[in-house]
Amino acid sequence: MPISYKLAKQLKEAGFPQKKPLFYDYTRKEKYKIPTLSELIEACGNKFGSLTRFKNIKTGKAFWVANDLMEQVGENSNSPEEAVAKLWLELKKGQNQIK
């Protein structure tokens, strides 16, 4: 799964558009959008700057970092979708609507 259900719920609660297809959590009886990478980048709008894959030399484990253009908000995660989703949440904190 590109992003966790917990992160999908955070996106929903922060106002991320909930277009179909939606994931239905039967235990909580709630629906969440599991966005694609392109939907996440598009949602960041002109604030999206870059998405980079790094590799930890010691562990050999890869991770992703998403940054905006101005504030250099960096979010690192196990998947590119997760990194951009976290970036969108950080951008959303600072303003009412991402343009």
PDB file of N, CA and C in Angstrom:
ATOM      1  N   MET A   1       0.849  -1.182   0.000  1.00  0.00           N
ATOM      2  CA  MET A   1       0.000   0.000   0.000  1.00  0.00           C
ATOM      3  C   MET A   1       0.893   1.244   0.000  1.00  0.00           C
ATOM      4  N   PRO A   2       0.666   2.164  -0.917  1.00  0.00           N
ATOM      5  CA  PRO A   2       1.489   3.374  -1.006  1.00  0.00           C
ATOM      6  C   PRO A   2       1.437   4.246   0.249  1.00  0.00           C
ATOM      7  N   ILE A   3       0.248   4.421   0.848  1.00  0.00           N
ATOM      8  CA  ILE A   3       0.160   5.161   2.108  1.00  0.00           C
ATOM      9  C   ILE A   3      -0.682   4.344   3.077  1.00  0.00           C
ATOM     10  N   SER A   4      -0.476   4.596   4.356  1.00  0.00           N
ATOM     11  CA  SER A   4      -1.228   3.871   5.375  1.00  0.00           C
ATOM     12  C   SER A   4      -2.652   4.408   5.471  1.00  0.00           C
ATOM     13  N   TYR A   5      -3.526   3.609   6.056  1.00  0.00           N
ATOM     14  CA  TYR A   5      -4.899   4.054   6.263  1.00  0.00           C
ATOM     15  C   TYR A   5      -4.939   5.207   7.260  1.00  0.00           C
ATOM     16  N   LYS A   6      -4.009   5.197   8.218  1.00  0.00           N
ATOM     17  CA  LYS A   6      -3.917   6.286   9.186  1.00  0.00           C
ATOM     18  C   LYS A   6      -3.585   7.604   8.487  1.00  0.00           C
ATOM     19  N   LEU A   7      -2.647   7.562   7.546  1.00  0.00           N
ATOM     20  CA  LEU A   7      -2.285   8.764   6.791  1.00  0.00           C
ATOM     21  C   LEU A   7      -3.434   9.193   5.881  1.00  0.00           C
ATOM     22  N   ALA A   8      -4.130   8.235   5.284  1.00  0.00           N
ATOM     23  CA  ALA A   8      -5.305   8.554   4.451  1.00  0.00           C
ATOM     24  C   ALA A   8      -6.371   9.259   5.282  1.00  0.00           C
ATOM     25  N   LYS A   9      -6.545   8.822   6.519  1.00  0.00           N
ATOM     26  CA  LYS A   9      -7.523   9.466   7.412  1.00  0.00           C
ATOM     27  C   LYS A   9      -7.082  10.885   7.741  1.00  0.00           C
ATOM     28  N   GLN A  10      -5.780  11.085   7.989  1.00  0.00           N
ATOM     29  CA  GLN A  10      -5.266  12.429   8.266  1.00  0.00           C
ATOM     30  C   GLN A  10      -5.509  13.354   7.073  1.00  0.00           C
ATOM     31  N   LEU A  11      -5.296  12.831   5.865  1.00  0.00           N
ATOM     32  CA  LEU A  11      -5.555  13.634   4.664  1.00  0.00           C
ATOM     33  C   LEU A  11      -7.023  14.045   4.605  1.00  0.00           C
ATOM     34  N   LYS A  12      -7.912  13.085   4.845  1.00  0.00           N
ATOM     35  CA  LYS A  12      -9.350  13.373   4.810  1.00  0.00           C
ATOM     36  C   LYS A  12      -9.710  14.441   5.835  1.00  0.00           C
ATOM     37  N   GLU A  13      -9.222  14.279   7.057  1.00  0.00           N
ATOM     38  CA  GLU A  13      -9.534  15.225   8.122  1.00  0.00           C
ATOM     39  C   GLU A  13      -8.986  16.619   7.844  1.00  0.00           C
ATOM     40  N   ALA A  14      -7.907  16.699   7.055  1.00  0.00           N
ATOM     41  CA  ALA A  14      -7.307  17.999   6.718  1.00  0.00           C
ATOM     42  C   ALA A  14      -7.948  18.616   5.476  1.00  0.00           C
ATOM     43  N   GLY A  15      -8.888  17.887   4.837  1.00  0.00           N
ATOM     44  CA  GLY A  15      -9.604  18.463   3.701  1.00  0.00           C
ATOM     45  C   GLY A  15      -9.170  17.984   2.335  1.00  0.00           C
ATOM     46  N   PHE A  16      -8.395  16.888   2.267  1.00  0.00           N
ATOM     47  CA  PHE A  16      -7.999  16.376   0.960  1.00  0.00           C
ATOM     48  C   PHE A  16      -9.250  15.905   0.220  1.00  0.00           C
ATOM     49  N   PRO A  17      -9.399  16.238  -1.086  1.00  0.00           N
ATOM     50  CA  PRO A  17     -10.592  15.845  -1.845  1.00  0.00           C
ATOM     51  C   PRO A  17     -10.830  14.333  -1.795  1.00  0.00           C
ATOM     52  N   GLN A  18     -12.052  13.949  -1.512  1.00  0.00           N
ATOM     53  CA  GLN A  18     -12.407  12.540  -1.348  1.00  0.00           C
ATOM     54  C   GLN A  18     -13.166  12.007  -2.566  1.00  0.00           C
ATOM     55  N   LYS A  19     -12.481  11.983  -3.695  1.00  0.00           N
ATOM     56  CA  LYS A  19     -13.068  11.436  -4.919  1.00  0.00           C
ATOM     57  C   LYS A  19     -12.875   9.932  -4.944  1.00  0.00           C
ATOM     58  N   LYS A  20     -13.711   9.244  -5.706  1.00  0.00           N
ATOM     59  CA  LYS A  20     -13.598   7.785  -5.820  1.00  0.00           C
ATOM     60  C   LYS A  20     -12.340   7.417  -6.583  1.00  0.00           C
ATOM     61  N   PRO A  21     -11.755   6.238  -6.381  1.00  0.00           N
ATOM     62  CA  PRO A  21     -12.234   5.185  -5.490  1.00  0.00           C
ATOM     63  C   PRO A  21     -11.857   5.466  -4.038  1.00  0.00           C
ATOM     64  N   LEU A  22     -12.704   4.999  -3.136  1.00  0.00           N
ATOM     65  CA  LEU A  22     -12.481   5.183  -1.715  1.00  0.00           C
ATOM     66  C   LEU A  22     -12.221   3.836  -1.055  1.00  0.00           C
ATOM     67  N   PHE A  23     -11.387   3.843  -0.031  1.00  0.00           N
ATOM     68  CA  PHE A  23     -11.150   2.653   0.771  1.00  0.00           C
ATOM     69  C   PHE A  23     -12.174   2.655   1.898  1.00  0.00           C
ATOM     70  N   TYR A  24     -12.816   1.522   2.108  1.00  0.00           N
ATOM     71  CA  TYR A  24     -13.786   1.418   3.198  1.00  0.00           C
ATOM     72  C   TYR A  24     -13.171   0.619   4.331  1.00  0.00           C
ATOM     73  N   ASP A  25     -13.048   1.247   5.497  1.00  0.00           N
ATOM     74  CA  ASP A  25     -12.529   0.596   6.691  1.00  0.00           C
ATOM     75  C   ASP A  25     -13.719  -0.010   7.429  1.00  0.00           C
ATOM     76  N   TYR A  26     -13.859  -1.328   7.338  1.00  0.00           N
ATOM     77  CA  TYR A  26     -15.009  -2.011   7.920  1.00  0.00           C
ATOM     78  C   TYR A  26     -15.012  -1.957   9.449  1.00  0.00           C
ATOM     79  N   THR A  27     -13.835  -1.907  10.069  1.00  0.00           N
ATOM     80  CA  THR A  27     -13.795  -1.874  11.526  1.00  0.00           C
ATOM     81  C   THR A  27     -14.280  -0.529  12.065  1.00  0.00           C
ATOM     82  N   ARG A  28     -13.958   0.551  11.361  1.00  0.00           N
ATOM     83  CA  ARG A  28     -14.371   1.886  11.800  1.00  0.00           C
ATOM     84  C   ARG A  28     -15.567   2.423  11.024  1.00  0.00           C
ATOM     85  N   LYS A  29     -15.965   1.710   9.991  1.00  0.00           N
ATOM     86  CA  LYS A  29     -17.092   2.091   9.125  1.00  0.00           C
ATOM     87  C   LYS A  29     -16.914   3.498   8.578  1.00  0.00           C
ATOM     88  N   GLU A  30     -15.704   3.751   8.056  1.00  0.00           N
ATOM     89  CA  GLU A  30     -15.371   5.042   7.462  1.00  0.00           C
ATOM     90  C   GLU A  30     -14.763   4.825   6.084  1.00  0.00           C
ATOM     91  N   LYS A  31     -14.903   5.829   5.216  1.00  0.00           N
ATOM     92  CA  LYS A  31     -14.323   5.782   3.881  1.00  0.00           C
ATOM     93  C   LYS A  31     -13.201   6.798   3.770  1.00  0.00           C
ATOM     94  N   TYR A  32     -12.114   6.381   3.077  1.00  0.00           N
ATOM     95  CA  TYR A  32     -10.970   7.256   2.870  1.00  0.00           C
ATOM     96  C   TYR A  32     -10.490   7.149   1.436  1.00  0.00           C
ATOM     97  N   LYS A  33     -10.012   8.234   0.908  1.00  0.00           N
ATOM     98  CA  LYS A  33      -9.368   8.254  -0.399  1.00  0.00           C
ATOM     99  C   LYS A  33      -7.924   7.811  -0.226  1.00  0.00           C
ATOM    100  N   ILE A  34      -7.481   6.856  -1.047  1.00  0.00           N
ATOM    101  CA  ILE A  34      -6.074   6.476  -1.112  1.00  0.00           C
ATOM    102  C   ILE A  34      -5.546   7.114  -2.404  1.00  0.00           C
ATOM    103  N   PRO A  35      -4.976   8.320  -2.326  1.00  0.00           N
ATOM    104  CA  PRO A  35      -4.600   9.051  -3.536  1.00  0.00           C
ATOM    105  C   PRO A  35      -3.357   8.472  -4.217  1.00  0.00           C
ATOM    106  N   THR A  36      -3.296   8.685  -5.510  1.00  0.00           N
ATOM    107  CA  THR A  36      -2.122   8.301  -6.281  1.00  0.00           C
ATOM    108  C   THR A  36      -1.048   9.377  -6.108  1.00  0.00           C
ATOM    109  N   LEU A  37       0.156   9.054  -6.533  1.00  0.00           N
ATOM    110  CA  LEU A  37       1.242  10.024  -6.448  1.00  0.00           C
ATOM    111  C   LEU A  37       0.913  11.274  -7.256  1.00  0.00           C
ATOM    112  N   SER A  38       0.384  11.110  -8.456  1.00  0.00           N
ATOM    113  CA  SER A  38       0.070  12.282  -9.284  1.00  0.00           C
ATOM    114  C   SER A  38      -1.034  13.134  -8.647  1.00  0.00           C
ATOM    115  N   GLU A  39      -2.013  12.522  -7.986  1.00  0.00           N
ATOM    116  CA  GLU A  39      -3.060  13.291  -7.304  1.00  0.00           C
ATOM    117  C   GLU A  39      -2.472  14.088  -6.139  1.00  0.00           C
ATOM    118  N   LEU A  40      -1.541  13.490  -5.427  1.00  0.00           N
ATOM    119  CA  LEU A  40      -0.911  14.182  -4.305  1.00  0.00           C
ATOM    120  C   LEU A  40      -0.075  15.369  -4.774  1.00  0.00           C
ATOM    121  N   ILE A  41       0.715  15.158  -5.818  1.00  0.00           N
ATOM    122  CA  ILE A  41       1.535  16.249  -6.361  1.00  0.00           C
ATOM    123  C   ILE A  41       0.644  17.372  -6.870  1.00  0.00           C
ATOM    124  N   GLU A  42      -0.414  17.010  -7.580  1.00  0.00           N
ATOM    125  CA  GLU A  42      -1.348  18.015  -8.102  1.00  0.00           C
ATOM    126  C   GLU A  42      -1.993  18.795  -6.957  1.00  0.00           C
ATOM    127  N   ALA A  43      -2.325  18.118  -5.869  1.00  0.00           N
ATOM    128  CA  ALA A  43      -2.957  18.786  -4.725  1.00  0.00           C
ATOM    129  C   ALA A  43      -2.020  19.794  -4.067  1.00  0.00           C
ATOM    130  N   CYS A  44      -0.718  19.556  -4.124  1.00  0.00           N
ATOM    131  CA  CYS A  44       0.257  20.512  -3.566  1.00  0.00           C
ATOM    132  C   CYS A  44       0.335  21.772  -4.413  1.00  0.00           C
ATOM    133  N   GLY A  45      -0.093  21.677  -5.665  1.00  0.00           N
ATOM    134  CA  GLY A  45      -0.119  22.838  -6.542  1.00  0.00           C
ATOM    135  C   GLY A  45       1.260  23.410  -6.798  1.00  0.00           C
ATOM    136  N   ASN A  46       1.331  24.737  -6.900  1.00  0.00           N
ATOM    137  CA  ASN A  46       2.587  25.421  -7.199  1.00  0.00           C
ATOM    138  C   ASN A  46       3.590  25.354  -6.059  1.00  0.00           C
ATOM    139  N   LYS A  47       3.164  24.886  -4.905  1.00  0.00           N
ATOM    140  CA  LYS A  47       4.067  24.778  -3.756  1.00  0.00           C
ATOM    141  C   LYS A  47       4.987  23.552  -3.859  1.00  0.00           C
ATOM    142  N   PHE A  48       4.605  22.550  -4.659  1.00  0.00           N
ATOM    143  CA  PHE A  48       5.430  21.351  -4.777  1.00  0.00           C
ATOM    144  C   PHE A  48       6.758  21.693  -5.432  1.00  0.00           C
ATOM    145  N   GLY A  49       7.853  21.216  -4.816  1.00  0.00           N
ATOM    146  CA  GLY A  49       9.174  21.513  -5.348  1.00  0.00           C
ATOM    147  C   GLY A  49       9.878  20.304  -5.917  1.00  0.00           C
ATOM    148  N   SER A  50      10.070  19.266  -5.076  1.00  0.00           N
ATOM    149  CA  SER A  50      10.821  18.114  -5.554  1.00  0.00           C
ATOM    150  C   SER A  50      10.493  16.872  -4.739  1.00  0.00           C
ATOM    151  N   LEU A  51      10.809  15.735  -5.342  1.00  0.00           N
ATOM    152  CA  LEU A  51      10.685  14.437  -4.697  1.00  0.00           C
ATOM    153  C   LEU A  51      11.964  13.681  -5.032  1.00  0.00           C
ATOM    154  N   THR A  52      12.695  13.280  -3.998  1.00  0.00           N
ATOM    155  CA  THR A  52      13.992  12.656  -4.207  1.00  0.00           C
ATOM    156  C   THR A  52      14.092  11.357  -3.424  1.00  0.00           C
ATOM    157  N   ARG A  53      14.730  10.362  -4.046  1.00  0.00           N
ATOM    158  CA  ARG A  53      14.969   9.078  -3.389  1.00  0.00           C
ATOM    159  C   ARG A  53      16.418   9.057  -2.899  1.00  0.00           C
ATOM    160  N   PHE A  54      16.588   8.704  -1.635  1.00  0.00           N
ATOM    161  CA  PHE A  54      17.904   8.579  -1.034  1.00  0.00           C
ATOM    162  C   PHE A  54      18.106   7.159  -0.548  1.00  0.00           C
ATOM    163  N   LYS A  55      19.356   6.803  -0.313  1.00  0.00           N
ATOM    164  CA  LYS A  55      19.665   5.489   0.237  1.00  0.00           C
ATOM    165  C   LYS A  55      20.585   5.661   1.436  1.00  0.00           C
ATOM    166  N   ASN A  56      20.211   5.070   2.561  1.00  0.00           N
ATOM    167  CA  ASN A  56      21.026   5.104   3.760  1.00  0.00           C
ATOM    168  C   ASN A  56      22.234   4.200   3.532  1.00  0.00           C
ATOM    169  N   ILE A  57      23.406   4.757   3.576  1.00  0.00           N
ATOM    170  CA  ILE A  57      24.628   4.006   3.287  1.00  0.00           C
ATOM    171  C   ILE A  57      24.842   2.885   4.299  1.00  0.00           C
ATOM    172  N   LYS A  58      24.540   3.134   5.556  1.00  0.00           N
ATOM    173  CA  LYS A  58      24.755   2.124   6.594  1.00  0.00           C
ATOM    174  C   LYS A  58      23.780   0.958   6.501  1.00  0.00           C
ATOM    175  N   THR A  59      22.497   1.274   6.311  1.00  0.00           N
ATOM    176  CA  THR A  59      21.485   0.211   6.315  1.00  0.00           C
ATOM    177  C   THR A  59      21.133  -0.291   4.926  1.00  0.00           C
ATOM    178  N   GLY A  60      21.405   0.519   3.907  1.00  0.00           N
ATOM    179  CA  GLY A  60      21.027   0.156   2.549  1.00  0.00           C
ATOM    180  C   GLY A  60      19.559   0.395   2.248  1.00  0.00           C
ATOM    181  N   LYS A  61      18.829   0.920   3.218  1.00  0.00           N
ATOM    182  CA  LYS A  61      17.401   1.161   3.061  1.00  0.00           C
ATOM    183  C   LYS A  61      17.150   2.485   2.330  1.00  0.00           C
ATOM    184  N   ALA A  62      16.255   2.452   1.364  1.00  0.00           N
ATOM    185  CA  ALA A  62      15.901   3.657   0.609  1.00  0.00           C
ATOM    186  C   ALA A  62      14.786   4.411   1.332  1.00  0.00           C
ATOM    187  N   PHE A  63      14.782   5.736   1.169  1.00  0.00           N
ATOM    188  CA  PHE A  63      13.693   6.553   1.685  1.00  0.00           C
ATOM    189  C   PHE A  63      13.473   7.725   0.735  1.00  0.00           C
ATOM    190  N   TRP A  64      12.321   8.336   0.837  1.00  0.00           N
ATOM    191  CA  TRP A  64      11.904   9.428  -0.048  1.00  0.00           C
ATOM    192  C   TRP A  64      11.764  10.712   0.734  1.00  0.00           C
ATOM    193  N   VAL A  65      12.099  11.827   0.089  1.00  0.00           N
ATOM    194  CA  VAL A  65      11.963  13.150   0.694  1.00  0.00           C
ATOM    195  C   VAL A  65      11.233  14.048  -0.301  1.00  0.00           C
ATOM    196  N   ALA A  66      10.177  14.711   0.175  1.00  0.00           N
ATOM    197  CA  ALA A  66       9.423  15.670  -0.639  1.00  0.00           C
ATOM    198  C   ALA A  66       9.623  17.056  -0.047  1.00  0.00           C
ATOM    199  N   ASN A  67       9.885  18.031  -0.899  1.00  0.00           N
ATOM    200  CA  ASN A  67      10.112  19.413  -0.467  1.00  0.00           C
ATOM    201  C   ASN A  67       9.223  20.372  -1.244  1.00  0.00           C
ATOM    202  N   ASP A  68       8.958  21.505  -0.606  1.00  0.00           N
ATOM    203  CA  ASP A  68       8.253  22.565  -1.321  1.00  0.00           C
ATOM    204  C   ASP A  68       9.272  23.524  -1.923  1.00  0.00           C
ATOM    205  N   LEU A  69       8.794  24.558  -2.593  1.00  0.00           N
ATOM    206  CA  LEU A  69       9.689  25.485  -3.280  1.00  0.00           C
ATOM    207  C   LEU A  69      10.281  26.554  -2.375  1.00  0.00           C
ATOM    208  N   MET A  70       9.538  27.028  -1.408  1.00  0.00           N
ATOM    209  CA  MET A  70       9.956  28.185  -0.631  1.00  0.00           C
ATOM    210  C   MET A  70      10.458  27.853   0.770  1.00  0.00           C
ATOM    211  N   GLU A  71       9.681  27.096   1.512  1.00  0.00           N
ATOM    212  CA  GLU A  71       9.963  26.901   2.928  1.00  0.00           C
ATOM    213  C   GLU A  71      10.867  25.706   3.198  1.00  0.00           C
ATOM    214  N   GLN A  72      11.190  24.949   2.178  1.00  0.00           N
ATOM    215  CA  GLN A  72      12.045  23.779   2.316  1.00  0.00           C
ATOM    216  C   GLN A  72      11.518  22.783   3.344  1.00  0.00           C
ATOM    217  N   VAL A  73      10.216  22.525   3.293  1.00  0.00           N
ATOM    218  CA  VAL A  73       9.623  21.516   4.158  1.00  0.00           C
ATOM    219  C   VAL A  73      10.019  20.164   3.605  1.00  0.00           C
ATOM    220  N   GLY A  74      10.744  19.397   4.355  1.00  0.00           N
ATOM    221  CA  GLY A  74      11.161  18.081   3.893  1.00  0.00           C
ATOM    222  C   GLY A  74      10.446  16.990   4.645  1.00  0.00           C
ATOM    223  N   GLU A  75       9.898  16.054   3.946  1.00  0.00           N
ATOM    224  CA  GLU A  75       9.214  14.932   4.578  1.00  0.00           C
ATOM    225  C   GLU A  75       9.789  13.643   4.013  1.00  0.00           C
ATOM    226  N   ASN A  76      10.367  12.828   4.865  1.00  0.00           N
ATOM    227  CA  ASN A  76      10.928  11.574   4.376  1.00  0.00           C
ATOM    228  C   ASN A  76      10.069  10.395   4.815  1.00  0.00           C
ATOM    229  N   SER A  77       9.948   9.414   3.931  1.00  0.00           N
ATOM    230  CA  SER A  77       9.050   8.288   4.144  1.00  0.00           C
ATOM    231  C   SER A  77       9.522   7.083   3.350  1.00  0.00           C
ATOM    232  N   ASN A  78       8.811   5.987   3.544  1.00  0.00           N
ATOM    233  CA  ASN A  78       9.153   4.745   2.852  1.00  0.00           C
ATOM    234  C   ASN A  78       8.680   4.700   1.406  1.00  0.00           C
ATOM    235  N   SER A  79       7.707   5.521   1.048  1.00  0.00           N
ATOM    236  CA  SER A  79       7.204   5.539  -0.329  1.00  0.00           C
ATOM    237  C   SER A  79       7.096   6.975  -0.810  1.00  0.00           C
ATOM    238  N   PRO A  80       7.150   7.195  -2.123  1.00  0.00           N
ATOM    239  CA  PRO A  80       6.999   8.565  -2.628  1.00  0.00           C
ATOM    240  C   PRO A  80       5.616   9.138  -2.308  1.00  0.00           C
ATOM    241  N   GLU A  81       4.593   8.292  -2.349  1.00  0.00           N
ATOM    242  CA  GLU A  81       3.238   8.760  -2.041  1.00  0.00           C
ATOM    243  C   GLU A  81       3.138   9.254  -0.602  1.00  0.00           C
ATOM    244  N   GLU A  82       3.735   8.513   0.305  1.00  0.00           N
ATOM    245  CA  GLU A  82       3.707   8.893   1.716  1.00  0.00           C
ATOM    246  C   GLU A  82       4.460  10.205   1.945  1.00  0.00           C
ATOM    247  N   ALA A  83       5.591  10.368   1.292  1.00  0.00           N
ATOM    248  CA  ALA A  83       6.376  11.595   1.451  1.00  0.00           C
ATOM    249  C   ALA A  83       5.596  12.814   0.976  1.00  0.00           C
ATOM    250  N   VAL A  84       4.942  12.712  -0.173  1.00  0.00           N
ATOM    251  CA  VAL A  84       4.189  13.853  -0.712  1.00  0.00           C
ATOM    252  C   VAL A  84       2.917  14.082   0.102  1.00  0.00           C
ATOM    253  N   ALA A  85       2.296  13.016   0.597  1.00  0.00           N
ATOM    254  CA  ALA A  85       1.111  13.177   1.455  1.00  0.00           C
ATOM    255  C   ALA A  85       1.479  13.953   2.720  1.00  0.00           C
ATOM    256  N   LYS A  86       2.614  13.620   3.325  1.00  0.00           N
ATOM    257  CA  LYS A  86       3.064  14.333   4.517  1.00  0.00           C
ATOM    258  C   LYS A  86       3.426  15.783   4.194  1.00  0.00           C
ATOM    259  N   LEU A  87       4.001  16.007   3.028  1.00  0.00           N
ATOM    260  CA  LEU A  87       4.296  17.373   2.594  1.00  0.00           C
ATOM    261  C   LEU A  87       3.003  18.167   2.455  1.00  0.00           C
ATOM    262  N   TRP A  88       1.980  17.566   1.821  1.00  0.00           N
ATOM    263  CA  TRP A  88       0.689  18.238   1.649  1.00  0.00           C
ATOM    264  C   TRP A  88       0.113  18.617   3.008  1.00  0.00           C
ATOM    265  N   LEU A  89       0.197  17.715   3.979  1.00  0.00           N
ATOM    266  CA  LEU A  89      -0.307  18.013   5.317  1.00  0.00           C
ATOM    267  C   LEU A  89       0.453  19.177   5.948  1.00  0.00           C
ATOM    268  N   GLU A  90       1.765  19.215   5.781  1.00  0.00           N
ATOM    269  CA  GLU A  90       2.564  20.317   6.324  1.00  0.00           C
ATOM    270  C   GLU A  90       2.215  21.641   5.647  1.00  0.00           C
ATOM    271  N   LEU A  91       2.047  21.608   4.333  1.00  0.00           N
ATOM    272  CA  LEU A  91       1.671  22.823   3.604  1.00  0.00           C
ATOM    273  C   LEU A  91       0.288  23.299   4.037  1.00  0.00           C
ATOM    274  N   LYS A  92      -0.597  22.365   4.269  1.00  0.00           N
ATOM    275  CA  LYS A  92      -1.971  22.679   4.656  1.00  0.00           C
ATOM    276  C   LYS A  92      -2.025  23.355   6.031  1.00  0.00           C
ATOM    277  N   LYS A  93      -1.112  22.981   6.924  1.00  0.00           N
ATOM    278  CA  LYS A  93      -1.068  23.587   8.255  1.00  0.00           C
ATOM    279  C   LYS A  93      -0.855  25.083   8.195  1.00  0.00           C
ATOM    280  N   GLY A  94      -0.050  25.535   7.231  1.00  0.00           N
ATOM    281  CA  GLY A  94       0.334  26.937   7.160  1.00  0.00           C
ATOM    282  C   GLY A  94      -0.625  27.837   6.396  1.00  0.00           C
ATOM    283  N   GLN A  95      -1.618  27.259   5.770  1.00  0.00           N
ATOM    284  CA  GLN A  95      -2.546  28.090   4.992  1.00  0.00           C
ATOM    285  C   GLN A  95      -3.893  27.411   4.898  1.00  0.00           C
ATOM    286  N   ASN A  96      -4.904  28.192   4.573  1.00  0.00           N
ATOM    287  CA  ASN A  96      -6.258  27.655   4.472  1.00  0.00           C
ATOM    288  C   ASN A  96      -6.471  26.824   3.216  1.00  0.00           C
ATOM    289  N   GLN A  97      -5.809  27.221   2.139  1.00  0.00           N
ATOM    290  CA  GLN A  97      -5.983  26.498   0.885  1.00  0.00           C
ATOM    291  C   GLN A  97      -4.688  26.539   0.095  1.00  0.00           C
ATOM    292  N   ILE A  98      -4.254  25.371  -0.367  1.00  0.00           N
ATOM    293  CA  ILE A  98      -3.050  25.282  -1.200  1.00  0.00           C
ATOM    294  C   ILE A  98      -3.426  25.693  -2.608  1.00  0.00           C
ATOM    295  N   LYS A  99      -2.624  26.575  -3.212  1.00  0.00           N
ATOM    296  CA  LYS A  99      -2.927  27.033  -4.571  1.00  0.00           C
ATOM    297  C   LYS A  99      -1.910  26.514  -5.528  1.00  0.00           C
TER     298      LYS A  99
END
